[in-house]
Amino acid sequence: MSEDKETPERRRERLRQEELKRNPAGNMNDAFNKANSGSLVDLVGSLGWKGTGILILVIIIGFIVASFFFK
């Protein structure tokens, strides 16, 4: 793989940074909204596919365990 090629993660981050530079008011609005709810895209992007799979398994196992306790 060539050093010149841009990974999808770097491309997404570069595009996000460009958007933040072009629209600073939207950045402030996004900051207020993310403080309340968080961003699933940022979470999944930072975990990668293995971390996302583990997160999904933990949620499913937690749901199964909770269903046994509350029946």
PDB file of N, CA and C in Angstrom:
ATOM      1  N   MET A   1       0.854  -1.175   0.000  1.00  0.00           N
ATOM      2  CA  MET A   1       0.000   0.000   0.000  1.00  0.00           C
ATOM      3  C   MET A   1       0.895   1.231   0.000  1.00  0.00           C
ATOM      4  N   SER A   2       0.555   2.190  -0.794  1.00  0.00           N
ATOM      5  CA  SER A   2       1.370   3.381  -0.961  1.00  0.00           C
ATOM      6  C   SER A   2       1.151   4.361   0.192  1.00  0.00           C
ATOM      7  N   GLU A   3       2.185   5.139   0.476  1.00  0.00           N
ATOM      8  CA  GLU A   3       2.078   6.171   1.516  1.00  0.00           C
ATOM      9  C   GLU A   3       1.144   7.298   1.074  1.00  0.00           C
ATOM     10  N   ASP A   4       0.968   7.462  -0.263  1.00  0.00           N
ATOM     11  CA  ASP A   4       0.153   8.553  -0.790  1.00  0.00           C
ATOM     12  C   ASP A   4      -1.336   8.304  -0.591  1.00  0.00           C
ATOM     13  N   LYS A   5      -1.729   7.044  -0.476  1.00  0.00           N
ATOM     14  CA  LYS A   5      -3.147   6.723  -0.326  1.00  0.00           C
ATOM     15  C   LYS A   5      -3.642   7.169   1.042  1.00  0.00           C
ATOM     16  N   GLU A   6      -4.860   7.688   1.056  1.00  0.00           N
ATOM     17  CA  GLU A   6      -5.466   8.173   2.292  1.00  0.00           C
ATOM     18  C   GLU A   6      -6.445   7.122   2.803  1.00  0.00           C
ATOM     19  N   THR A   7      -6.331   6.772   4.087  1.00  0.00           N
ATOM     20  CA  THR A   7      -7.239   5.782   4.655  1.00  0.00           C
ATOM     21  C   THR A   7      -8.626   6.401   4.811  1.00  0.00           C
ATOM     22  N   PRO A   8      -9.666   5.576   4.843  1.00  0.00           N
ATOM     23  CA  PRO A   8     -11.018   6.123   5.015  1.00  0.00           C
ATOM     24  C   PRO A   8     -11.170   6.915   6.317  1.00  0.00           C
ATOM     25  N   GLU A   9     -10.516   6.471   7.381  1.00  0.00           N
ATOM     26  CA  GLU A   9     -10.606   7.197   8.653  1.00  0.00           C
ATOM     27  C   GLU A   9     -10.011   8.590   8.529  1.00  0.00           C
ATOM     28  N   ARG A  10      -8.841   8.680   7.905  1.00  0.00           N
ATOM     29  CA  ARG A  10      -8.198   9.986   7.733  1.00  0.00           C
ATOM     30  C   ARG A  10      -9.012  10.883   6.809  1.00  0.00           C
ATOM     31  N   ARG A  11      -9.614  10.293   5.781  1.00  0.00           N
ATOM     32  CA  ARG A  11     -10.417  11.091   4.858  1.00  0.00           C
ATOM     33  C   ARG A  11     -11.654  11.645   5.571  1.00  0.00           C
ATOM     34  N   ARG A  12     -12.335  10.808   6.367  1.00  0.00           N
ATOM     35  CA  ARG A  12     -13.495  11.283   7.125  1.00  0.00           C
ATOM     36  C   ARG A  12     -13.103  12.406   8.067  1.00  0.00           C
ATOM     37  N   GLU A  13     -11.982  12.228   8.765  1.00  0.00           N
ATOM     38  CA  GLU A  13     -11.538  13.248   9.712  1.00  0.00           C
ATOM     39  C   GLU A  13     -11.167  14.538   8.981  1.00  0.00           C
ATOM     40  N   ARG A  14     -10.501  14.425   7.827  1.00  0.00           N
ATOM     41  CA  ARG A  14     -10.134  15.621   7.066  1.00  0.00           C
ATOM     42  C   ARG A  14     -11.382  16.362   6.589  1.00  0.00           C
ATOM     43  N   LEU A  15     -12.375  15.611   6.088  1.00  0.00           N
ATOM     44  CA  LEU A  15     -13.611  16.242   5.648  1.00  0.00           C
ATOM     45  C   LEU A  15     -14.363  16.885   6.811  1.00  0.00           C
ATOM     46  N   ARG A  16     -14.347  16.237   7.955  1.00  0.00           N
ATOM     47  CA  ARG A  16     -15.010  16.807   9.138  1.00  0.00           C
ATOM     48  C   ARG A  16     -14.340  18.098   9.568  1.00  0.00           C
ATOM     49  N   GLN A  17     -13.004  18.113   9.547  1.00  0.00           N
ATOM     50  CA  GLN A  17     -12.266  19.320   9.933  1.00  0.00           C
ATOM     51  C   GLN A  17     -12.527  20.457   8.946  1.00  0.00           C
ATOM     52  N   GLU A  18     -12.592  20.137   7.652  1.00  0.00           N
ATOM     53  CA  GLU A  18     -12.893  21.169   6.652  1.00  0.00           C
ATOM     54  C   GLU A  18     -14.281  21.748   6.872  1.00  0.00           C
ATOM     55  N   GLU A  19     -15.252  20.905   7.187  1.00  0.00           N
ATOM     56  CA  GLU A  19     -16.606  21.379   7.447  1.00  0.00           C
ATOM     57  C   GLU A  19     -16.645  22.276   8.675  1.00  0.00           C
ATOM     58  N   LEU A  20     -15.889  21.928   9.707  1.00  0.00           N
ATOM     59  CA  LEU A  20     -15.853  22.756  10.912  1.00  0.00           C
ATOM     60  C   LEU A  20     -15.256  24.127  10.623  1.00  0.00           C
ATOM     61  N   LYS A  21     -14.257  24.184   9.739  1.00  0.00           N
ATOM     62  CA  LYS A  21     -13.657  25.468   9.379  1.00  0.00           C
ATOM     63  C   LYS A  21     -14.625  26.327   8.573  1.00  0.00           C
ATOM     64  N   ARG A  22     -15.429  25.694   7.702  1.00  0.00           N
ATOM     65  CA  ARG A  22     -16.355  26.445   6.859  1.00  0.00           C
ATOM     66  C   ARG A  22     -17.589  26.915   7.611  1.00  0.00           C
ATOM     67  N   ASN A  23     -17.980  26.228   8.670  1.00  0.00           N
ATOM     68  CA  ASN A  23     -19.234  26.527   9.347  1.00  0.00           C
ATOM     69  C   ASN A  23     -19.028  26.557  10.862  1.00  0.00           C
ATOM     70  N   PRO A  24     -18.418  27.625  11.401  1.00  0.00           N
ATOM     71  CA  PRO A  24     -18.153  27.657  12.844  1.00  0.00           C
ATOM     72  C   PRO A  24     -19.412  27.721  13.706  1.00  0.00           C
ATOM     73  N   ALA A  25     -20.488  28.346  13.217  1.00  0.00           N
ATOM     74  CA  ALA A  25     -21.729  28.401  14.001  1.00  0.00           C
ATOM     75  C   ALA A  25     -22.331  27.008  14.129  1.00  0.00           C
ATOM     76  N   GLY A  26     -22.248  26.223  13.066  1.00  0.00           N
ATOM     77  CA  GLY A  26     -22.731  24.843  13.127  1.00  0.00           C
ATOM     78  C   GLY A  26     -21.914  24.027  14.101  1.00  0.00           C
ATOM     79  N   ASN A  27     -20.621  24.341  14.201  1.00  0.00           N
ATOM     80  CA  ASN A  27     -19.753  23.665  15.146  1.00  0.00           C
ATOM     81  C   ASN A  27     -20.227  23.907  16.575  1.00  0.00           C
ATOM     82  N   MET A  28     -20.609  25.143  16.887  1.00  0.00           N
ATOM     83  CA  MET A  28     -21.068  25.452  18.241  1.00  0.00           C
ATOM     84  C   MET A  28     -22.374  24.708  18.526  1.00  0.00           C
ATOM     85  N   ASN A  29     -23.277  24.667  17.538  1.00  0.00           N
ATOM     86  CA  ASN A  29     -24.542  23.945  17.705  1.00  0.00           C
ATOM     87  C   ASN A  29     -24.287  22.457  17.905  1.00  0.00           C
ATOM     88  N   ASP A  30     -23.378  21.883  17.112  1.00  0.00           N
ATOM     89  CA  ASP A  30     -23.038  20.470  17.272  1.00  0.00           C
ATOM     90  C   ASP A  30     -22.449  20.187  18.646  1.00  0.00           C
ATOM     91  N   ALA A  31     -21.626  21.085  19.139  1.00  0.00           N
ATOM     92  CA  ALA A  31     -21.014  20.893  20.451  1.00  0.00           C
ATOM     93  C   ALA A  31     -22.073  20.839  21.542  1.00  0.00           C
ATOM     94  N   PHE A  32     -23.077  21.715  21.465  1.00  0.00           N
ATOM     95  CA  PHE A  32     -24.145  21.700  22.463  1.00  0.00           C
ATOM     96  C   PHE A  32     -24.954  20.409  22.370  1.00  0.00           C
ATOM     97  N   ASN A  33     -25.242  19.964  21.154  1.00  0.00           N
ATOM     98  CA  ASN A  33     -26.032  18.741  20.987  1.00  0.00           C
ATOM     99  C   ASN A  33     -25.258  17.495  21.407  1.00  0.00           C
ATOM    100  N   LYS A  34     -23.967  17.434  21.114  1.00  0.00           N
ATOM    101  CA  LYS A  34     -23.170  16.264  21.478  1.00  0.00           C
ATOM    102  C   LYS A  34     -22.990  16.160  22.985  1.00  0.00           C
ATOM    103  N   ALA A  35     -23.009  17.291  23.671  1.00  0.00           N
ATOM    104  CA  ALA A  35     -22.876  17.253  25.121  1.00  0.00           C
ATOM    105  C   ALA A  35     -24.080  16.553  25.742  1.00  0.00           C
ATOM    106  N   ASN A  36     -25.225  16.664  25.093  1.00  0.00           N
ATOM    107  CA  ASN A  36     -26.433  16.038  25.620  1.00  0.00           C
ATOM    108  C   ASN A  36     -26.543  14.561  25.253  1.00  0.00           C
ATOM    109  N   SER A  37     -26.189  14.217  24.027  1.00  0.00           N
ATOM    110  CA  SER A  37     -26.463  12.861  23.579  1.00  0.00           C
ATOM    111  C   SER A  37     -25.238  12.059  23.165  1.00  0.00           C
ATOM    112  N   GLY A  38     -24.126  12.701  22.886  1.00  0.00           N
ATOM    113  CA  GLY A  38     -22.957  11.986  22.401  1.00  0.00           C
ATOM    114  C   GLY A  38     -23.109  11.648  20.933  1.00  0.00           C
ATOM    115  N   SER A  39     -22.065  11.128  20.343  1.00  0.00           N
ATOM    116  CA  SER A  39     -22.100  10.813  18.925  1.00  0.00           C
ATOM    117  C   SER A  39     -21.713   9.351  18.721  1.00  0.00           C
ATOM    118  N   LEU A  40     -22.637   8.581  18.223  1.00  0.00           N
ATOM    119  CA  LEU A  40     -22.393   7.168  17.974  1.00  0.00           C
ATOM    120  C   LEU A  40     -21.353   6.973  16.877  1.00  0.00           C
ATOM    121  N   VAL A  41     -21.353   7.885  15.896  1.00  0.00           N
ATOM    122  CA  VAL A  41     -20.392   7.791  14.800  1.00  0.00           C
ATOM    123  C   VAL A  41     -18.966   7.915  15.331  1.00  0.00           C
ATOM    124  N   ASP A  42     -18.736   8.869  16.231  1.00  0.00           N
ATOM    125  CA  ASP A  42     -17.400   9.029  16.800  1.00  0.00           C
ATOM    126  C   ASP A  42     -17.004   7.822  17.634  1.00  0.00           C
ATOM    127  N   LEU A  43     -17.949   7.266  18.370  1.00  0.00           N
ATOM    128  CA  LEU A  43     -17.660   6.086  19.182  1.00  0.00           C
ATOM    129  C   LEU A  43     -17.270   4.904  18.320  1.00  0.00           C
ATOM    130  N   VAL A  44     -18.073   4.615  17.312  1.00  0.00           N
ATOM    131  CA  VAL A  44     -17.805   3.468  16.438  1.00  0.00           C
ATOM    132  C   VAL A  44     -16.530   3.695  15.640  1.00  0.00           C
ATOM    133  N   GLY A  45     -16.304   4.928  15.195  1.00  0.00           N
ATOM    134  CA  GLY A  45     -15.100   5.228  14.437  1.00  0.00           C
ATOM    135  C   GLY A  45     -13.834   5.040  15.250  1.00  0.00           C
ATOM    136  N   SER A  46     -13.912   5.355  16.513  1.00  0.00           N
ATOM    137  CA  SER A  46     -12.725   5.220  17.353  1.00  0.00           C
ATOM    138  C   SER A  46     -12.481   3.769  17.784  1.00  0.00           C
ATOM    139  N   LEU A  47     -13.527   2.951  17.844  1.00  0.00           N
ATOM    140  CA  LEU A  47     -13.380   1.564  18.271  1.00  0.00           C
ATOM    141  C   LEU A  47     -12.867   0.655  17.165  1.00  0.00           C
ATOM    142  N   GLY A  48     -13.241   0.905  15.936  1.00  0.00           N
ATOM    143  CA  GLY A  48     -12.896  -0.003  14.851  1.00  0.00           C
ATOM    144  C   GLY A  48     -13.897  -1.141  14.805  1.00  0.00           C
ATOM    145  N   TRP A  49     -13.681  -2.071  13.872  1.00  0.00           N
ATOM    146  CA  TRP A  49     -14.684  -3.115  13.685  1.00  0.00           C
ATOM    147  C   TRP A  49     -14.667  -4.145  14.805  1.00  0.00           C
ATOM    148  N   LYS A  50     -13.495  -4.424  15.386  1.00  0.00           N
ATOM    149  CA  LYS A  50     -13.438  -5.398  16.489  1.00  0.00           C
ATOM    150  C   LYS A  50     -14.102  -4.830  17.735  1.00  0.00           C
ATOM    151  N   GLY A  51     -13.802  -3.597  18.051  1.00  0.00           N
ATOM    152  CA  GLY A  51     -14.401  -2.963  19.225  1.00  0.00           C
ATOM    153  C   GLY A  51     -15.897  -2.818  19.091  1.00  0.00           C
ATOM    154  N   THR A  52     -16.354  -2.495  17.883  1.00  0.00           N
ATOM    155  CA  THR A  52     -17.784  -2.378  17.640  1.00  0.00           C
ATOM    156  C   THR A  52     -18.471  -3.728  17.813  1.00  0.00           C
ATOM    157  N   GLY A  53     -17.840  -4.793  17.319  1.00  0.00           N
ATOM    158  CA  GLY A  53     -18.400  -6.128  17.492  1.00  0.00           C
ATOM    159  C   GLY A  53     -18.491  -6.525  18.952  1.00  0.00           C
ATOM    160  N   ILE A  54     -17.467  -6.213  19.708  1.00  0.00           N
ATOM    161  CA  ILE A  54     -17.471  -6.512  21.144  1.00  0.00           C
ATOM    162  C   ILE A  54     -18.561  -5.715  21.849  1.00  0.00           C
ATOM    163  N   LEU A  55     -18.709  -4.434  21.478  1.00  0.00           N
ATOM    164  CA  LEU A  55     -19.751  -3.593  22.072  1.00  0.00           C
ATOM    165  C   LEU A  55     -21.142  -4.164  21.791  1.00  0.00           C
ATOM    166  N   ILE A  56     -21.373  -4.610  20.574  1.00  0.00           N
ATOM    167  CA  ILE A  56     -22.665  -5.202  20.220  1.00  0.00           C
ATOM    168  C   ILE A  56     -22.905  -6.485  21.011  1.00  0.00           C
ATOM    169  N   LEU A  57     -21.881  -7.336  21.145  1.00  0.00           N
ATOM    170  CA  LEU A  57     -22.021  -8.571  21.938  1.00  0.00           C
ATOM    171  C   LEU A  57     -22.336  -8.272  23.398  1.00  0.00           C
ATOM    172  N   VAL A  58     -21.660  -7.278  23.960  1.00  0.00           N
ATOM    173  CA  VAL A  58     -21.916  -6.907  25.361  1.00  0.00           C
ATOM    174  C   VAL A  58     -23.345  -6.424  25.532  1.00  0.00           C
ATOM    175  N   ILE A  59     -23.837  -5.638  24.593  1.00  0.00           N
ATOM    176  CA  ILE A  59     -25.221  -5.157  24.679  1.00  0.00           C
ATOM    177  C   ILE A  59     -26.198  -6.317  24.586  1.00  0.00           C
ATOM    178  N   ILE A  60     -25.968  -7.246  23.671  1.00  0.00           N
ATOM    179  CA  ILE A  60     -26.865  -8.400  23.524  1.00  0.00           C
ATOM    180  C   ILE A  60     -26.839  -9.267  24.775  1.00  0.00           C
ATOM    181  N   ILE A  61     -25.657  -9.559  25.290  1.00  0.00           N
ATOM    182  CA  ILE A  61     -25.537 -10.379  26.507  1.00  0.00           C
ATOM    183  C   ILE A  61     -26.188  -9.671  27.696  1.00  0.00           C
ATOM    184  N   GLY A  62     -25.989  -8.368  27.789  1.00  0.00           N
ATOM    185  CA  GLY A  62     -26.621  -7.602  28.863  1.00  0.00           C
ATOM    186  C   GLY A  62     -28.133  -7.645  28.774  1.00  0.00           C
ATOM    187  N   PHE A  63     -28.665  -7.580  27.558  1.00  0.00           N
ATOM    188  CA  PHE A  63     -30.106  -7.660  27.372  1.00  0.00           C
ATOM    189  C   PHE A  63     -30.642  -9.027  27.785  1.00  0.00           C
ATOM    190  N   ILE A  64     -29.935 -10.078  27.420  1.00  0.00           N
ATOM    191  CA  ILE A  64     -30.363 -11.440  27.791  1.00  0.00           C
ATOM    192  C   ILE A  64     -30.335 -11.620  29.310  1.00  0.00           C
ATOM    193  N   VAL A  65     -29.267 -11.186  29.949  1.00  0.00           N
ATOM    194  CA  VAL A  65     -29.162 -11.299  31.408  1.00  0.00           C
ATOM    195  C   VAL A  65     -30.256 -10.488  32.097  1.00  0.00           C
ATOM    196  N   ALA A  66     -30.511  -9.282  31.612  1.00  0.00           N
ATOM    197  CA  ALA A  66     -31.553  -8.443  32.212  1.00  0.00           C
ATOM    198  C   ALA A  66     -32.929  -9.065  32.026  1.00  0.00           C
ATOM    199  N   SER A  67     -33.168  -9.707  30.888  1.00  0.00           N
ATOM    200  CA  SER A  67     -34.468 -10.330  30.663  1.00  0.00           C
ATOM    201  C   SER A  67     -34.713 -11.495  31.624  1.00  0.00           C
ATOM    202  N   PHE A  68     -33.649 -12.213  32.024  1.00  0.00           N
ATOM    203  CA  PHE A  68     -33.808 -13.285  33.011  1.00  0.00           C
ATOM    204  C   PHE A  68     -34.140 -12.738  34.393  1.00  0.00           C
ATOM    205  N   PHE A  69     -33.516 -11.606  34.767  1.00  0.00           N
ATOM    206  CA  PHE A  69     -33.731 -11.042  36.090  1.00  0.00           C
ATOM    207  C   PHE A  69     -35.102 -10.379  36.231  1.00  0.00           C
ATOM    208  N   PHE A  70     -35.637  -9.824  35.172  1.00  0.00           N
ATOM    209  CA  PHE A  70     -36.880  -9.068  35.274  1.00  0.00           C
ATOM    210  C   PHE A  70     -38.108  -9.846  34.833  1.00  0.00           C
ATOM    211  N   LYS A  71     -37.966 -11.146  34.620  1.00  0.00           N
ATOM    212  CA  LYS A  71     -39.149 -11.970  34.281  1.00  0.00           C
ATOM    213  C   LYS A  71     -39.767 -12.548  35.505  1.00  0.00           C
TER     214      LYS A  71
END
